[in-house]
Amino acid sequence: MTAVRRDARAAAVLAAETRHLVRVVRALGPLPRATLARAAGSAHWREGGFDAAVREGIRQGQLRELPFDFITLPPPEPNEPDRRRVRTKHRPLPR
């Protein structure tokens, strides 16, 4: 594998891990870093992947660090719907 392909693959993996963290935080709300790591299944990620994904999410403005090591989503921009927590009703499957 060439260095360019390796770099492109590493960037794609980091982007996917970051998107996954955003989805988990959106579903569960603000979480302590350790709880977020468990909820995201980061024990199965590459070494250092979780911390790198959190840093990347914060750098891109997709995640926000709070006091006491909590991670959350940033507040919505003005004139943008609040998508920090999407709640859905459980509906039974049609028969």
PDB file of N, CA and C in Angstrom:
ATOM      1  N   MET A   1       0.850  -1.167   0.000  1.00  0.00           N
ATOM      2  CA  MET A   1       0.000   0.000   0.000  1.00  0.00           C
ATOM      3  C   MET A   1       0.897   1.231   0.000  1.00  0.00           C
ATOM      4  N   THR A   2       0.586   2.152  -0.872  1.00  0.00           N
ATOM      5  CA  THR A   2       1.402   3.361  -0.951  1.00  0.00           C
ATOM      6  C   THR A   2       1.079   4.298   0.207  1.00  0.00           C
ATOM      7  N   ALA A   3       1.975   5.231   0.425  1.00  0.00           N
ATOM      8  CA  ALA A   3       1.797   6.184   1.527  1.00  0.00           C
ATOM      9  C   ALA A   3       0.550   7.037   1.318  1.00  0.00           C
ATOM     10  N   VAL A   4       0.263   7.384   0.069  1.00  0.00           N
ATOM     11  CA  VAL A   4      -0.913   8.210  -0.220  1.00  0.00           C
ATOM     12  C   VAL A   4      -2.186   7.449   0.115  1.00  0.00           C
ATOM     13  N   ARG A   5      -2.244   6.176  -0.274  1.00  0.00           N
ATOM     14  CA  ARG A   5      -3.422   5.368   0.030  1.00  0.00           C
ATOM     15  C   ARG A   5      -3.566   5.158   1.527  1.00  0.00           C
ATOM     16  N   ARG A   6      -2.442   4.957   2.194  1.00  0.00           N
ATOM     17  CA  ARG A   6      -2.470   4.753   3.647  1.00  0.00           C
ATOM     18  C   ARG A   6      -2.987   6.005   4.344  1.00  0.00           C
ATOM     19  N   ASP A   7      -2.525   7.188   3.904  1.00  0.00           N
ATOM     20  CA  ASP A   7      -2.988   8.446   4.482  1.00  0.00           C
ATOM     21  C   ASP A   7      -4.473   8.666   4.207  1.00  0.00           C
ATOM     22  N   ALA A   8      -4.906   8.349   2.997  1.00  0.00           N
ATOM     23  CA  ALA A   8      -6.314   8.516   2.639  1.00  0.00           C
ATOM     24  C   ALA A   8      -7.190   7.578   3.468  1.00  0.00           C
ATOM     25  N   ARG A   9      -6.713   6.355   3.674  1.00  0.00           N
ATOM     26  CA  ARG A   9      -7.472   5.402   4.486  1.00  0.00           C
ATOM     27  C   ARG A   9      -7.533   5.861   5.939  1.00  0.00           C
ATOM     28  N   ALA A  10      -6.427   6.338   6.481  1.00  0.00           N
ATOM     29  CA  ALA A  10      -6.400   6.820   7.865  1.00  0.00           C
ATOM     30  C   ALA A  10      -7.354   8.006   8.035  1.00  0.00           C
ATOM     31  N   ALA A  11      -7.396   8.904   7.042  1.00  0.00           N
ATOM     32  CA  ALA A  11      -8.302  10.053   7.108  1.00  0.00           C
ATOM     33  C   ALA A  11      -9.758   9.593   7.043  1.00  0.00           C
ATOM     34  N   ALA A  12     -10.051   8.603   6.226  1.00  0.00           N
ATOM     35  CA  ALA A  12     -11.419   8.084   6.113  1.00  0.00           C
ATOM     36  C   ALA A  12     -11.849   7.402   7.406  1.00  0.00           C
ATOM     37  N   VAL A  13     -10.948   6.653   8.028  1.00  0.00           N
ATOM     38  CA  VAL A  13     -11.259   5.987   9.299  1.00  0.00           C
ATOM     39  C   VAL A  13     -11.518   7.030  10.382  1.00  0.00           C
ATOM     40  N   LEU A  14     -10.686   8.045  10.458  1.00  0.00           N
ATOM     41  CA  LEU A  14     -10.859   9.106  11.449  1.00  0.00           C
ATOM     42  C   LEU A  14     -12.195   9.823  11.248  1.00  0.00           C
ATOM     43  N   ALA A  15     -12.542  10.112  10.006  1.00  0.00           N
ATOM     44  CA  ALA A  15     -13.817  10.777   9.717  1.00  0.00           C
ATOM     45  C   ALA A  15     -14.997   9.900  10.133  1.00  0.00           C
ATOM     46  N   ALA A  16     -14.912   8.599   9.866  1.00  0.00           N
ATOM     47  CA  ALA A  16     -15.988   7.680  10.244  1.00  0.00           C
ATOM     48  C   ALA A  16     -16.121   7.582  11.762  1.00  0.00           C
ATOM     49  N   GLU A  17     -14.999   7.518  12.461  1.00  0.00           N
ATOM     50  CA  GLU A  17     -15.044   7.449  13.927  1.00  0.00           C
ATOM     51  C   GLU A  17     -15.626   8.728  14.510  1.00  0.00           C
ATOM     52  N   THR A  18     -15.275   9.863  13.936  1.00  0.00           N
ATOM     53  CA  THR A  18     -15.800  11.148  14.406  1.00  0.00           C
ATOM     54  C   THR A  18     -17.309  11.213  14.184  1.00  0.00           C
ATOM     55  N   ARG A  19     -17.774  10.803  13.009  1.00  0.00           N
ATOM     56  CA  ARG A  19     -19.212  10.791  12.734  1.00  0.00           C
ATOM     57  C   ARG A  19     -19.945   9.879  13.710  1.00  0.00           C
ATOM     58  N   HIS A  20     -19.337   8.741  14.033  1.00  0.00           N
ATOM     59  CA  HIS A  20     -19.957   7.810  14.980  1.00  0.00           C
ATOM     60  C   HIS A  20     -20.095   8.453  16.364  1.00  0.00           C
ATOM     61  N   LEU A  21     -19.060   9.151  16.817  1.00  0.00           N
ATOM     62  CA  LEU A  21     -19.146   9.822  18.118  1.00  0.00           C
ATOM     63  C   LEU A  21     -20.255  10.867  18.123  1.00  0.00           C
ATOM     64  N   VAL A  22     -20.380  11.618  17.052  1.00  0.00           N
ATOM     65  CA  VAL A  22     -21.436  12.634  16.963  1.00  0.00           C
ATOM     66  C   VAL A  22     -22.803  11.965  17.052  1.00  0.00           C
ATOM     67  N   ARG A  23     -23.000  10.840  16.358  1.00  0.00           N
ATOM     68  CA  ARG A  23     -24.280  10.123  16.417  1.00  0.00           C
ATOM     69  C   ARG A  23     -24.572   9.636  17.835  1.00  0.00           C
ATOM     70  N   VAL A  24     -23.566   9.115  18.519  1.00  0.00           N
ATOM     71  CA  VAL A  24     -23.764   8.614  19.884  1.00  0.00           C
ATOM     72  C   VAL A  24     -24.139   9.755  20.820  1.00  0.00           C
ATOM     73  N   VAL A  25     -23.439  10.866  20.737  1.00  0.00           N
ATOM     74  CA  VAL A  25     -23.737  12.010  21.604  1.00  0.00           C
ATOM     75  C   VAL A  25     -25.107  12.583  21.260  1.00  0.00           C
ATOM     76  N   ARG A  26     -25.458  12.615  19.993  1.00  0.00           N
ATOM     77  CA  ARG A  26     -26.776  13.115  19.593  1.00  0.00           C
ATOM     78  C   ARG A  26     -27.878  12.228  20.185  1.00  0.00           C
ATOM     79  N   ALA A  27     -27.651  10.931  20.214  1.00  0.00           N
ATOM     80  CA  ALA A  27     -28.661  10.006  20.723  1.00  0.00           C
ATOM     81  C   ALA A  27     -28.746  10.006  22.248  1.00  0.00           C
ATOM     82  N   LEU A  28     -27.606  10.115  22.937  1.00  0.00           N
ATOM     83  CA  LEU A  28     -27.582   9.944  24.392  1.00  0.00           C
ATOM     84  C   LEU A  28     -27.429  11.237  25.176  1.00  0.00           C
ATOM     85  N   GLY A  29     -27.038  12.310  24.519  1.00  0.00           N
ATOM     86  CA  GLY A  29     -26.827  13.568  25.224  1.00  0.00           C
ATOM     87  C   GLY A  29     -25.407  13.675  25.748  1.00  0.00           C
ATOM     88  N   PRO A  30     -25.112  14.723  26.516  1.00  0.00           N
ATOM     89  CA  PRO A  30     -23.755  14.914  27.048  1.00  0.00           C
ATOM     90  C   PRO A  30     -23.325  13.722  27.894  1.00  0.00           C
ATOM     91  N   LEU A  31     -22.088  13.277  27.679  1.00  0.00           N
ATOM     92  CA  LEU A  31     -21.567  12.103  28.379  1.00  0.00           C
ATOM     93  C   LEU A  31     -20.153  12.361  28.874  1.00  0.00           C
ATOM     94  N   PRO A  32     -19.793  11.732  30.003  1.00  0.00           N
ATOM     95  CA  PRO A  32     -18.383  11.752  30.386  1.00  0.00           C
ATOM     96  C   PRO A  32     -17.570  11.028  29.308  1.00  0.00           C
ATOM     97  N   ARG A  33     -16.342  11.444  29.131  1.00  0.00           N
ATOM     98  CA  ARG A  33     -15.486  10.879  28.085  1.00  0.00           C
ATOM     99  C   ARG A  33     -15.412   9.346  28.162  1.00  0.00           C
ATOM    100  N   ALA A  34     -15.264   8.790  29.370  1.00  0.00           N
ATOM    101  CA  ALA A  34     -15.143   7.336  29.517  1.00  0.00           C
ATOM    102  C   ALA A  34     -16.438   6.633  29.122  1.00  0.00           C
ATOM    103  N   THR A  35     -17.581   7.212  29.479  1.00  0.00           N
ATOM    104  CA  THR A  35     -18.867   6.620  29.116  1.00  0.00           C
ATOM    105  C   THR A  35     -19.075   6.685  27.605  1.00  0.00           C
ATOM    106  N   LEU A  36     -18.687   7.799  27.004  1.00  0.00           N
ATOM    107  CA  LEU A  36     -18.785   7.931  25.543  1.00  0.00           C
ATOM    108  C   LEU A  36     -17.925   6.879  24.856  1.00  0.00           C
ATOM    109  N   ALA A  37     -16.732   6.652  25.375  1.00  0.00           N
ATOM    110  CA  ALA A  37     -15.848   5.639  24.785  1.00  0.00           C
ATOM    111  C   ALA A  37     -16.499   4.260  24.830  1.00  0.00           C
ATOM    112  N   ARG A  38     -17.104   3.915  25.963  1.00  0.00           N
ATOM    113  CA  ARG A  38     -17.779   2.612  26.076  1.00  0.00           C
ATOM    114  C   ARG A  38     -18.988   2.540  25.159  1.00  0.00           C
ATOM    115  N   ALA A  39     -19.812   3.610  25.157  1.00  0.00           N
ATOM    116  CA  ALA A  39     -21.029   3.617  24.340  1.00  0.00           C
ATOM    117  C   ALA A  39     -20.713   3.537  22.848  1.00  0.00           C
ATOM    118  N   ALA A  40     -19.593   4.107  22.449  1.00  0.00           N
ATOM    119  CA  ALA A  40     -19.203   4.101  21.035  1.00  0.00           C
ATOM    120  C   ALA A  40     -18.495   2.807  20.630  1.00  0.00           C
ATOM    121  N   GLY A  41     -18.141   1.979  21.609  1.00  0.00           N
ATOM    122  CA  GLY A  41     -17.441   0.729  21.287  1.00  0.00           C
ATOM    123  C   GLY A  41     -15.995   0.944  20.904  1.00  0.00           C
ATOM    124  N   SER A  42     -15.378   1.966  21.468  1.00  0.00           N
ATOM    125  CA  SER A  42     -14.015   2.311  21.052  1.00  0.00           C
ATOM    126  C   SER A  42     -12.966   1.287  21.482  1.00  0.00           C
ATOM    127  N   ALA A  43     -13.334   0.322  22.309  1.00  0.00           N
ATOM    128  CA  ALA A  43     -12.376  -0.728  22.683  1.00  0.00           C
ATOM    129  C   ALA A  43     -11.970  -1.547  21.452  1.00  0.00           C
ATOM    130  N   HIS A  44     -12.790  -1.491  20.416  1.00  0.00           N
ATOM    131  CA  HIS A  44     -12.512  -2.248  19.183  1.00  0.00           C
ATOM    132  C   HIS A  44     -11.884  -1.380  18.100  1.00  0.00           C
ATOM    133  N   TRP A  45     -11.602  -0.120  18.417  1.00  0.00           N
ATOM    134  CA  TRP A  45     -10.994   0.799  17.458  1.00  0.00           C
ATOM    135  C   TRP A  45      -9.479   0.650  17.503  1.00  0.00           C
ATOM    136  N   ARG A  46      -8.815   1.280  16.562  1.00  0.00           N
ATOM    137  CA  ARG A  46      -7.355   1.276  16.540  1.00  0.00           C
ATOM    138  C   ARG A  46      -6.825   2.009  17.770  1.00  0.00           C
ATOM    139  N   GLU A  47      -5.585   1.763  18.110  1.00  0.00           N
ATOM    140  CA  GLU A  47      -4.950   2.400  19.269  1.00  0.00           C
ATOM    141  C   GLU A  47      -4.968   3.925  19.108  1.00  0.00           C
ATOM    142  N   GLY A  48      -5.510   4.633  20.086  1.00  0.00           N
ATOM    143  CA  GLY A  48      -5.561   6.095  20.042  1.00  0.00           C
ATOM    144  C   GLY A  48      -6.672   6.656  19.183  1.00  0.00           C
ATOM    145  N   GLY A  49      -7.493   5.801  18.608  1.00  0.00           N
ATOM    146  CA  GLY A  49      -8.546   6.251  17.694  1.00  0.00           C
ATOM    147  C   GLY A  49      -9.611   7.097  18.362  1.00  0.00           C
ATOM    148  N   PHE A  50     -10.002   6.713  19.575  1.00  0.00           N
ATOM    149  CA  PHE A  50     -11.044   7.465  20.264  1.00  0.00           C
ATOM    150  C   PHE A  50     -10.596   8.896  20.549  1.00  0.00           C
ATOM    151  N   ASP A  51      -9.409   9.041  21.152  1.00  0.00           N
ATOM    152  CA  ASP A  51      -8.907  10.384  21.465  1.00  0.00           C
ATOM    153  C   ASP A  51      -8.721  11.223  20.206  1.00  0.00           C
ATOM    154  N   ALA A  52      -8.238  10.599  19.140  1.00  0.00           N
ATOM    155  CA  ALA A  52      -8.048  11.324  17.881  1.00  0.00           C
ATOM    156  C   ALA A  52      -9.400  11.774  17.308  1.00  0.00           C
ATOM    157  N   ALA A  53     -10.413  10.915  17.405  1.00  0.00           N
ATOM    158  CA  ALA A  53     -11.741  11.261  16.884  1.00  0.00           C
ATOM    159  C   ALA A  53     -12.375  12.386  17.705  1.00  0.00           C
ATOM    160  N   VAL A  54     -12.198  12.356  19.029  1.00  0.00           N
ATOM    161  CA  VAL A  54     -12.719  13.442  19.870  1.00  0.00           C
ATOM    162  C   VAL A  54     -12.021  14.749  19.514  1.00  0.00           C
ATOM    163  N   ARG A  55     -10.702  14.720  19.402  1.00  0.00           N
ATOM    164  CA  ARG A  55      -9.959  15.943  19.042  1.00  0.00           C
ATOM    165  C   ARG A  55     -10.417  16.476  17.685  1.00  0.00           C
ATOM    166  N   GLU A  56     -10.592  15.569  16.724  1.00  0.00           N
ATOM    167  CA  GLU A  56     -11.021  15.987  15.380  1.00  0.00           C
ATOM    168  C   GLU A  56     -12.433  16.562  15.419  1.00  0.00           C
ATOM    169  N   GLY A  57     -13.323  15.936  16.177  1.00  0.00           N
ATOM    170  CA  GLY A  57     -14.685  16.451  16.302  1.00  0.00           C
ATOM    171  C   GLY A  57     -14.718  17.837  16.921  1.00  0.00           C
ATOM    172  N   ILE A  58     -13.884  18.061  17.930  1.00  0.00           N
ATOM    173  CA  ILE A  58     -13.799  19.375  18.564  1.00  0.00           C
ATOM    174  C   ILE A  58     -13.195  20.385  17.588  1.00  0.00           C
ATOM    175  N   ARG A  59     -12.149  19.979  16.863  1.00  0.00           N
ATOM    176  CA  ARG A  59     -11.499  20.873  15.902  1.00  0.00           C
ATOM    177  C   ARG A  59     -12.471  21.297  14.800  1.00  0.00           C
ATOM    178  N   GLN A  60     -13.321  20.364  14.356  1.00  0.00           N
ATOM    179  CA  GLN A  60     -14.276  20.665  13.287  1.00  0.00           C
ATOM    180  C   GLN A  60     -15.538  21.357  13.785  1.00  0.00           C
ATOM    181  N   GLY A  61     -15.687  21.474  15.093  1.00  0.00           N
ATOM    182  CA  GLY A  61     -16.880  22.107  15.643  1.00  0.00           C
ATOM    183  C   GLY A  61     -18.073  21.188  15.737  1.00  0.00           C
ATOM    184  N   GLN A  62     -17.858  19.883  15.598  1.00  0.00           N
ATOM    185  CA  GLN A  62     -18.952  18.920  15.686  1.00  0.00           C
ATOM    186  C   GLN A  62     -19.179  18.447  17.118  1.00  0.00           C
ATOM    187  N   LEU A  63     -18.159  18.538  17.947  1.00  0.00           N
ATOM    188  CA  LEU A  63     -18.242  18.164  19.356  1.00  0.00           C
ATOM    189  C   LEU A  63     -17.728  19.326  20.195  1.00  0.00           C
ATOM    190  N   ARG A  64     -18.094  19.305  21.464  1.00  0.00           N
ATOM    191  CA  ARG A  64     -17.664  20.359  22.380  1.00  0.00           C
ATOM    192  C   ARG A  64     -17.295  19.719  23.710  1.00  0.00           C
ATOM    193  N   GLU A  65     -16.205  20.184  24.286  1.00  0.00           N
ATOM    194  CA  GLU A  65     -15.749  19.676  25.574  1.00  0.00           C
ATOM    195  C   GLU A  65     -16.315  20.557  26.678  1.00  0.00           C
ATOM    196  N   LEU A  66     -16.869  19.909  27.697  1.00  0.00           N
ATOM    197  CA  LEU A  66     -17.420  20.614  28.850  1.00  0.00           C
ATOM    198  C   LEU A  66     -16.542  20.360  30.071  1.00  0.00           C
ATOM    199  N   PRO A  67     -16.771  21.106  31.150  1.00  0.00           N
ATOM    200  CA  PRO A  67     -16.030  20.820  32.386  1.00  0.00           C
ATOM    201  C   PRO A  67     -16.292  19.395  32.868  1.00  0.00           C
ATOM    202  N   PHE A  68     -15.402  18.910  33.688  1.00  0.00           N
ATOM    203  CA  PHE A  68     -15.478  17.565  34.275  1.00  0.00           C
ATOM    204  C   PHE A  68     -15.400  16.474  33.215  1.00  0.00           C
ATOM    205  N   ASP A  69     -14.730  16.760  32.110  1.00  0.00           N
ATOM    206  CA  ASP A  69     -14.449  15.786  31.059  1.00  0.00           C
ATOM    207  C   ASP A  69     -15.698  15.269  30.341  1.00  0.00           C
ATOM    208  N   PHE A  70     -16.733  16.083  30.247  1.00  0.00           N
ATOM    209  CA  PHE A  70     -17.933  15.715  29.495  1.00  0.00           C
ATOM    210  C   PHE A  70     -17.765  16.155  28.048  1.00  0.00           C
ATOM    211  N   ILE A  71     -18.394  15.406  27.141  1.00  0.00           N
ATOM    212  CA  ILE A  71     -18.403  15.726  25.715  1.00  0.00           C
ATOM    213  C   ILE A  71     -19.860  15.901  25.302  1.00  0.00           C
ATOM    214  N   THR A  72     -20.139  16.940  24.534  1.00  0.00           N
ATOM    215  CA  THR A  72     -21.493  17.197  24.062  1.00  0.00           C
ATOM    216  C   THR A  72     -21.430  17.750  22.644  1.00  0.00           C
ATOM    217  N   LEU A  73     -22.591  18.058  22.099  1.00  0.00           N
ATOM    218  CA  LEU A  73     -22.652  18.723  20.801  1.00  0.00           C
ATOM    219  C   LEU A  73     -22.641  20.228  21.035  1.00  0.00           C
ATOM    220  N   PRO A  74     -22.146  20.993  20.094  1.00  0.00           N
ATOM    221  CA  PRO A  74     -22.172  22.451  20.252  1.00  0.00           C
ATOM    222  C   PRO A  74     -23.603  22.957  20.135  1.00  0.00           C
ATOM    223  N   PRO A  75     -23.893  24.147  20.659  1.00  0.00           N
ATOM    224  CA  PRO A  75     -25.237  24.690  20.492  1.00  0.00           C
ATOM    225  C   PRO A  75     -25.506  24.956  19.016  1.00  0.00           C
ATOM    226  N   PRO A  76     -26.764  24.901  18.599  1.00  0.00           N
ATOM    227  CA  PRO A  76     -27.074  25.138  17.186  1.00  0.00           C
ATOM    228  C   PRO A  76     -26.814  26.592  16.803  1.00  0.00           C
ATOM    229  N   GLU A  77     -26.518  26.790  15.553  1.00  0.00           N
ATOM    230  CA  GLU A  77     -26.356  28.140  15.022  1.00  0.00           C
ATOM    231  C   GLU A  77     -27.722  28.832  15.000  1.00  0.00           C
ATOM    232  N   PRO A  78     -27.761  30.169  15.042  1.00  0.00           N
ATOM    233  CA  PRO A  78     -29.053  30.855  14.915  1.00  0.00           C
ATOM    234  C   PRO A  78     -29.724  30.455  13.600  1.00  0.00           C
ATOM    235  N   ASN A  79     -31.018  30.357  13.628  1.00  0.00           N
ATOM    236  CA  ASN A  79     -31.823  29.969  12.452  1.00  0.00           C
ATOM    237  C   ASN A  79     -31.559  28.542  12.005  1.00  0.00           C
ATOM    238  N   GLU A  80     -31.056  27.712  12.878  1.00  0.00           N
ATOM    239  CA  GLU A  80     -30.809  26.310  12.552  1.00  0.00           C
ATOM    240  C   GLU A  80     -31.570  25.466  13.567  1.00  0.00           C
ATOM    241  N   PRO A  81     -32.246  24.404  13.115  1.00  0.00           N
ATOM    242  CA  PRO A  81     -33.000  23.592  14.074  1.00  0.00           C
ATOM    243  C   PRO A  81     -32.068  22.930  15.096  1.00  0.00           C
ATOM    244  N   ASP A  82     -32.562  22.764  16.294  1.00  0.00           N
ATOM    245  CA  ASP A  82     -31.790  22.132  17.362  1.00  0.00           C
ATOM    246  C   ASP A  82     -31.849  20.625  17.174  1.00  0.00           C
ATOM    247  N   ARG A  83     -30.729  20.029  16.792  1.00  0.00           N
ATOM    248  CA  ARG A  83     -30.667  18.590  16.541  1.00  0.00           C
ATOM    249  C   ARG A  83     -29.796  17.877  17.557  1.00  0.00           C
ATOM    250  N   ARG A  84     -29.591  18.513  18.695  1.00  0.00           N
ATOM    251  CA  ARG A  84     -28.712  17.899  19.676  1.00  0.00           C
ATOM    252  C   ARG A  84     -29.284  16.596  20.207  1.00  0.00           C
ATOM    253  N   ARG A  85     -30.577  16.542  20.377  1.00  0.00           N
ATOM    254  CA  ARG A  85     -31.200  15.312  20.867  1.00  0.00           C
ATOM    255  C   ARG A  85     -32.460  15.074  20.090  1.00  0.00           C
ATOM    256  N   VAL A  86     -32.475  14.016  19.353  1.00  0.00           N
ATOM    257  CA  VAL A  86     -33.638  13.671  18.554  1.00  0.00           C
ATOM    258  C   VAL A  86     -34.377  12.558  19.274  1.00  0.00           C
ATOM    259  N   ARG A  87     -35.603  12.821  19.636  1.00  0.00           N
ATOM    260  CA  ARG A  87     -36.390  11.803  20.321  1.00  0.00           C
ATOM    261  C   ARG A  87     -37.434  11.261  19.356  1.00  0.00           C
ATOM    262  N   THR A  88     -37.552   9.982  19.348  1.00  0.00           N
ATOM    263  CA  THR A  88     -38.559   9.354  18.490  1.00  0.00           C
ATOM    264  C   THR A  88     -39.427   8.467  19.353  1.00  0.00           C
ATOM    265  N   LYS A  89     -40.674   8.348  18.958  1.00  0.00           N
ATOM    266  CA  LYS A  89     -41.578   7.458  19.655  1.00  0.00           C
ATOM    267  C   LYS A  89     -41.401   6.059  19.115  1.00  0.00           C
ATOM    268  N   HIS A  90     -41.516   5.109  20.010  1.00  0.00           N
ATOM    269  CA  HIS A  90     -41.463   3.720  19.574  1.00  0.00           C
ATOM    270  C   HIS A  90     -42.815   3.376  18.978  1.00  0.00           C
ATOM    271  N   ARG A  91     -42.794   2.903  17.784  1.00  0.00           N
ATOM    272  CA  ARG A  91     -44.043   2.498  17.124  1.00  0.00           C
ATOM    273  C   ARG A  91     -43.957   1.000  16.848  1.00  0.00           C
ATOM    274  N   PRO A  92     -45.030   0.280  17.132  1.00  0.00           N
ATOM    275  CA  PRO A  92     -45.006  -1.161  16.847  1.00  0.00           C
ATOM    276  C   PRO A  92     -44.895  -1.403  15.349  1.00  0.00           C
ATOM    277  N   LEU A  93     -44.282  -2.492  14.998  1.00  0.00           N
ATOM    278  CA  LEU A  93     -44.149  -2.853  13.588  1.00  0.00           C
ATOM    279  C   LEU A  93     -45.514  -3.203  13.016  1.00  0.00           C
ATOM    280  N   PRO A  94     -45.783  -2.819  11.759  1.00  0.00           N
ATOM    281  CA  PRO A  94     -47.070  -3.186  11.153  1.00  0.00           C
ATOM    282  C   PRO A  94     -47.164  -4.693  10.960  1.00  0.00           C
ATOM    283  N   ARG A  95     -48.347  -5.206  11.069  1.00  0.00           N
ATOM    284  CA  ARG A  95     -48.561  -6.660  10.893  1.00  0.00           C
ATOM    285  C   ARG A  95     -48.890  -6.990   9.484  1.00  0.00           C
TER     286      ARG A  95
END
